[in-house]
C-alpha atoms as a PDB file:
ATOM      1  CA  MET A   1       0.173  -0.015  -0.170  1.00  0.00           C
ATOM      2  CA  LYS A   2       1.251   3.419  -0.935  1.00  0.00           C
ATOM      3  CA  PRO A   3       1.843   6.192   1.666  1.00  0.00           C
ATOM      4  CA  GLY A   4      -0.971   8.400   1.592  1.00  0.00           C
ATOM      5  CA  THR A   5      -3.703   6.037   0.786  1.00  0.00           C
ATOM      6  CA  PRO A   6      -6.656   6.594   2.835  1.00  0.00           C
ATOM      7  CA  VAL A   7      -7.711   4.138   5.773  1.00  0.00           C
ATOM      8  CA  LEU A   8     -10.370   1.531   4.765  1.00  0.00           C
ATOM      9  CA  ARG A   9     -13.862   2.314   6.561  1.00  0.00           C
ATOM     10  CA  SER A  10     -15.320  -0.994   6.091  1.00  0.00           C
ATOM     11  CA  THR A  11     -14.860  -3.782   8.405  1.00  0.00           C
ATOM     12  CA  ARG A  12     -15.868  -6.472   6.212  1.00  0.00           C
ATOM     13  CA  LEU A  13     -13.133  -8.063   3.870  1.00  0.00           C
ATOM     14  CA  LEU A  14     -14.920  -8.008   0.555  1.00  0.00           C
ATOM     15  CA  ASP A  15     -16.316  -4.483   1.064  1.00  0.00           C
ATOM     16  CA  GLN A  16     -12.687  -3.713   1.856  1.00  0.00           C
ATOM     17  CA  VAL A  17     -11.536  -5.034  -1.375  1.00  0.00           C
ATOM     18  CA  ARG A  18     -14.503  -3.512  -2.997  1.00  0.00           C
ATOM     19  CA  GLU A  19     -13.843   0.080  -1.435  1.00  0.00           C
ATOM     20  CA  ARG A  20      -9.776  -0.004  -2.508  1.00  0.00           C
ATOM     21  CA  VAL A  21     -10.459  -1.170  -6.177  1.00  0.00           C
ATOM     22  CA  ARG A  22     -12.819   1.984  -6.316  1.00  0.00           C
ATOM     23  CA  TYR A  23     -10.402   4.258  -4.685  1.00  0.00           C
ATOM     24  CA  LEU A  24      -7.851   3.468  -7.332  1.00  0.00           C
ATOM     25  CA  HIS A  25     -10.434   3.763 -10.025  1.00  0.00           C
ATOM     26  CA  TYR A  26     -10.358   0.067 -11.317  1.00  0.00           C
ATOM     27  CA  SER A  27     -12.768  -0.927 -13.929  1.00  0.00           C
ATOM     28  CA  LEU A  28     -16.055  -2.612 -12.837  1.00  0.00           C
ATOM     29  CA  SER A  29     -15.233  -5.980 -14.483  1.00  0.00           C
ATOM     30  CA  THR A  30     -11.804  -5.821 -12.274  1.00  0.00           C
ATOM     31  CA  GLU A  31     -13.809  -5.014  -9.466  1.00  0.00           C
ATOM     32  CA  LYS A  32     -16.400  -8.582 -10.265  1.00  0.00           C
ATOM     33  CA  ALA A  33     -13.049 -10.391 -11.095  1.00  0.00           C
ATOM     34  CA  TYR A  34     -11.057  -9.662  -8.035  1.00  0.00           C
ATOM     35  CA  LEU A  35     -14.179 -10.025  -5.565  1.00  0.00           C
ATOM     36  CA  TYR A  36     -14.736 -13.526  -7.188  1.00  0.00           C
ATOM     37  CA  TRP A  37     -10.765 -14.558  -7.009  1.00  0.00           C
ATOM     38  CA  VAL A  38     -10.917 -13.297  -3.430  1.00  0.00           C
ATOM     39  CA  ARG A  39     -14.029 -15.305  -2.535  1.00  0.00           C
ATOM     40  CA  PHE A  40     -12.901 -18.360  -4.266  1.00  0.00           C
ATOM     41  CA  PHE A  41      -9.493 -18.226  -2.475  1.00  0.00           C
ATOM     42  CA  ILE A  42     -11.230 -17.839   1.183  1.00  0.00           C
ATOM     43  CA  ARG A  43     -13.917 -20.765   0.537  1.00  0.00           C
ATOM     44  CA  TRP A  44     -11.303 -22.827  -1.295  1.00  0.00           C
ATOM     45  CA  HIS A  45      -9.140 -22.746   2.129  1.00  0.00           C
ATOM     46  CA  GLY A  46     -12.193 -23.301   4.204  1.00  0.00           C
ATOM     47  CA  ARG A  47     -13.266 -26.367   2.626  1.00  0.00           C
ATOM     48  CA  SER A  48     -12.538 -28.464   5.514  1.00  0.00           C
ATOM     49  CA  GLY A  49     -15.300 -26.273   7.791  1.00  0.00           C
ATOM     50  CA  ALA A  50     -13.104 -23.643   9.394  1.00  0.00           C
ATOM     51  CA  MET A  51     -13.204 -20.220   7.394  1.00  0.00           C
ATOM     52  CA  ARG A  52      -9.866 -18.488   7.862  1.00  0.00           C
ATOM     53  CA  HIS A  53      -9.136 -14.759   7.440  1.00  0.00           C
ATOM     54  CA  PRO A  54      -6.596 -14.129   4.419  1.00  0.00           C
ATOM     55  CA  ARG A  55      -4.682 -12.250   7.078  1.00  0.00           C
ATOM     56  CA  GLU A  56      -3.985 -15.504   8.803  1.00  0.00           C
ATOM     57  CA  MET A  57      -3.085 -17.359   5.774  1.00  0.00           C
ATOM     58  CA  GLY A  58       0.079 -16.319   4.255  1.00  0.00           C
ATOM     59  CA  ALA A  59       2.556 -17.176   1.017  1.00  0.00           C
ATOM     60  CA  GLN A  60       1.953 -21.099   1.205  1.00  0.00           C
ATOM     61  CA  GLU A  61      -1.689 -20.887   0.887  1.00  0.00           C
ATOM     62  CA  VAL A  62      -1.595 -18.749  -1.768  1.00  0.00           C
ATOM     63  CA  GLU A  63       1.076 -21.120  -3.922  1.00  0.00           C
ATOM     64  CA  ALA A  64      -1.269 -23.980  -2.728  1.00  0.00           C
ATOM     65  CA  PHE A  65      -4.403 -22.286  -4.325  1.00  0.00           C
ATOM     66  CA  LEU A  66      -2.601 -21.188  -7.429  1.00  0.00           C
ATOM     67  CA  THR A  67      -1.065 -24.610  -7.806  1.00  0.00           C
ATOM     68  CA  MET A  68      -4.853 -26.017  -7.301  1.00  0.00           C
ATOM     69  CA  LEU A  69      -5.656 -24.075 -10.382  1.00  0.00           C
ATOM     70  CA  ALA A  70      -3.156 -25.095 -12.470  1.00  0.00           C
ATOM     71  CA  THR A  71      -3.104 -28.885 -11.812  1.00  0.00           C
ATOM     72  CA  GLU A  72      -6.392 -29.688 -10.817  1.00  0.00           C
ATOM     73  CA  ARG A  73      -8.689 -27.200 -12.546  1.00  0.00           C
ATOM     74  CA  ARG A  74      -6.134 -26.897 -15.416  1.00  0.00           C
ATOM     75  CA  VAL A  75      -7.122 -23.124 -15.825  1.00  0.00           C
ATOM     76  CA  SER A  76      -5.621 -21.107 -18.779  1.00  0.00           C
ATOM     77  CA  ALA A  77      -2.454 -18.980 -18.143  1.00  0.00           C
ATOM     78  CA  SER A  78      -4.650 -15.982 -18.407  1.00  0.00           C
ATOM     79  CA  THR A  79      -6.981 -17.180 -15.833  1.00  0.00           C
ATOM     80  CA  HIS A  80      -3.900 -17.997 -13.795  1.00  0.00           C
ATOM     81  CA  ASN A  81      -2.731 -14.703 -14.052  1.00  0.00           C
ATOM     82  CA  GLN A  82      -6.001 -12.900 -13.177  1.00  0.00           C
ATOM     83  CA  ALA A  83      -6.357 -15.215  -9.928  1.00  0.00           C
ATOM     84  CA  LEU A  84      -2.618 -14.122  -9.018  1.00  0.00           C
ATOM     85  CA  SER A  85      -3.502 -10.454  -9.726  1.00  0.00           C
ATOM     86  CA  ALA A  86      -6.549 -10.537  -7.308  1.00  0.00           C
ATOM     87  CA  LEU A  87      -4.566 -12.222  -4.541  1.00  0.00           C
ATOM     88  CA  LEU A  88      -1.688  -9.747  -4.751  1.00  0.00           C
ATOM     89  CA  PHE A  89      -4.021  -6.973  -5.072  1.00  0.00           C
ATOM     90  CA  LEU A  90      -5.694  -8.334  -1.634  1.00  0.00           C
ATOM     91  CA  TYR A  91      -2.406  -8.650   0.004  1.00  0.00           C
ATOM     92  CA  ARG A  92      -0.770  -5.909  -0.829  1.00  0.00           C
ATOM     93  CA  GLU A  93      -3.413  -2.960  -1.080  1.00  0.00           C
ATOM     94  CA  VAL A  94      -6.168  -4.158   1.025  1.00  0.00           C
ATOM     95  CA  LEU A  95      -3.977  -5.859   3.991  1.00  0.00           C
ATOM     96  CA  ALA A  96      -0.705  -4.368   3.355  1.00  0.00           C
ATOM     97  CA  ILE A  97       1.208  -7.430   3.277  1.00  0.00           C
ATOM     98  CA  ASP A  98       3.881  -8.185   1.177  1.00  0.00           C
ATOM     99  CA  PHE A  99       5.289 -11.696   0.232  1.00  0.00           C
ATOM    100  CA  THR A 100       9.091 -11.803   0.055  1.00  0.00           C
ATOM    101  CA  TRP A 101       8.869 -14.198  -3.151  1.00  0.00           C
ATOM    102  CA  LEU A 102       7.314 -11.830  -5.227  1.00  0.00           C
ATOM    103  CA  ASN A 103      10.106  -9.361  -4.532  1.00  0.00           C
ATOM    104  CA  SER A 104      12.755 -11.777  -5.870  1.00  0.00           C
ATOM    105  CA  GLY A 105      13.604 -12.404  -9.517  1.00  0.00           C
ATOM    106  CA  CYS A 106      12.109 -16.004  -9.519  1.00  0.00           C
ATOM    107  CA  MET A 107       8.824 -17.285  -8.647  1.00  0.00           C
ATOM    108  CA  PRO A 108       8.284 -20.094  -6.070  1.00  0.00           C
ATOM    109  CA  GLU A 109       8.771 -24.061  -6.562  1.00  0.00           C
ATOM    110  CA  ALA A 110       5.071 -24.172  -7.085  1.00  0.00           C
ATOM    111  CA  PHE A 111       5.584 -22.241 -10.237  1.00  0.00           C
ATOM    112  CA  GLY A 112       8.603 -23.850 -11.544  1.00  0.00           C
ATOM    113  CA  SER A 113       9.906 -27.251 -12.524  1.00  0.00           C
ATOM    114  CA  GLY A 114      10.253 -28.384  -8.599  1.00  0.00           C
ATOM    115  CA  THR A 115      13.948 -27.223  -8.373  1.00  0.00           C
ATOM    116  CA  GLY A 116      12.828 -24.217  -6.251  1.00  0.00           C
ATOM    117  CA  GLY A 117      12.984 -21.061  -8.048  1.00  0.00           C
ATOM    118  CA  CYS A 118      14.094 -20.286 -12.182  1.00  0.00           C
ATOM    119  CA  SER A 119      14.815 -23.652 -13.698  1.00  0.00           C
ATOM    120  CA  ALA A 120      16.456 -22.022 -16.790  1.00  0.00           C
ATOM    121  CA  ALA A 121      19.255 -19.625 -17.284  1.00  0.00           C
ATOM    122  CA  ASP A 122      16.607 -17.242 -19.173  1.00  0.00           C
ATOM    123  CA  GLY A 123      14.189 -17.456 -16.251  1.00  0.00           C
ATOM    124  CA  SER A 124      11.721 -19.464 -18.092  1.00  0.00           C
ATOM    125  CA  LEU A 125       9.728 -21.918 -15.955  1.00  0.00           C
ATOM    126  CA  ASP A 126       7.938 -25.240 -16.836  1.00  0.00           C
ATOM    127  CA  THR A 127       4.547 -25.159 -15.528  1.00  0.00           C
ATOM    128  CA  MET A 128       4.236 -28.193 -13.493  1.00  0.00           C
ATOM    129  CA  GLY A 129       5.408 -30.701 -16.246  1.00  0.00           C
ATOM    130  CA  PHE A 130       2.900 -30.014 -18.784  1.00  0.00           C
ATOM    131  CA  GLY A 131       5.281 -29.198 -21.453  1.00  0.00           C
ATOM    132  CA  VAL A 132       4.266 -25.603 -21.814  1.00  0.00           C
ATOM    133  CA  ARG A 133       7.156 -23.216 -20.866  1.00  0.00           C
ATOM    134  CA  GLN A 134       6.449 -19.666 -19.356  1.00  0.00           C
ATOM    135  CA  ALA A 135       8.651 -16.755 -19.064  1.00  0.00           C
ATOM    136  CA  ALA A 136       8.112 -14.862 -15.879  1.00  0.00           C
ATOM    137  CA  VAL A 137       8.414 -10.912 -16.401  1.00  0.00           C
ATOM    138  CA  ARG A 138       7.669  -8.258 -13.890  1.00  0.00           C
ATOM    139  CA  LEU A 139       6.396  -5.324 -15.097  1.00  0.00           C
ATOM    140  CA  ARG A 140       5.055  -2.595 -12.697  1.00  0.00           C
ATOM    141  CA  ASP A 141       5.138  -4.587  -9.552  1.00  0.00           C
ATOM    142  CA  GLU A 142       2.954  -7.402 -11.217  1.00  0.00           C
ATOM    143  CA  TRP A 143       4.084 -10.902 -12.774  1.00  0.00           C
ATOM    144  CA  LEU A 144       3.236 -11.414 -16.189  1.00  0.00           C
ATOM    145  CA  PHE A 145       3.555 -15.049 -17.802  1.00  0.00           C
ATOM    146  CA  LEU A 146       4.635 -15.037 -21.587  1.00  0.00           C
ATOM    147  CA  VAL A 147       3.391 -18.604 -22.676  1.00  0.00           C
ATOM    148  CA  HIS A 148       5.550 -20.448 -25.366  1.00  0.00           C
ATOM    149  CA  THR A 149       6.059 -24.127 -26.005  1.00  0.00           C
END
């Protein structure tokens, strides 16, 4: 969260996300998509019966969720990036929590080939053995994935 950003008025998490999205003048479709992914993230981790606030969860839960999207649900790269962007927004802009692996040059093991970071000298990553390689590029504090075979 940037200095000078106003304090959130709402006490409910999804209302806080909505408030911050609107303060930053994001589009309505972005707001809807981010709310969907935040809600899905919370419910997916609460499927065992005990809902937890995202503040109580960390990078490990985010990685598990994104890995599930890629391996079990087999979502496209753009859908995966949208979910990642929504969770980055939640943690950075709403909860003011920054994950250390987002500041490094490489993604965590869940996004690599199992080697725990960049698997090739050029920074390209094999996405969980699907035979599709991605180059992770950081632009304006967001990760972009350039998919190539």
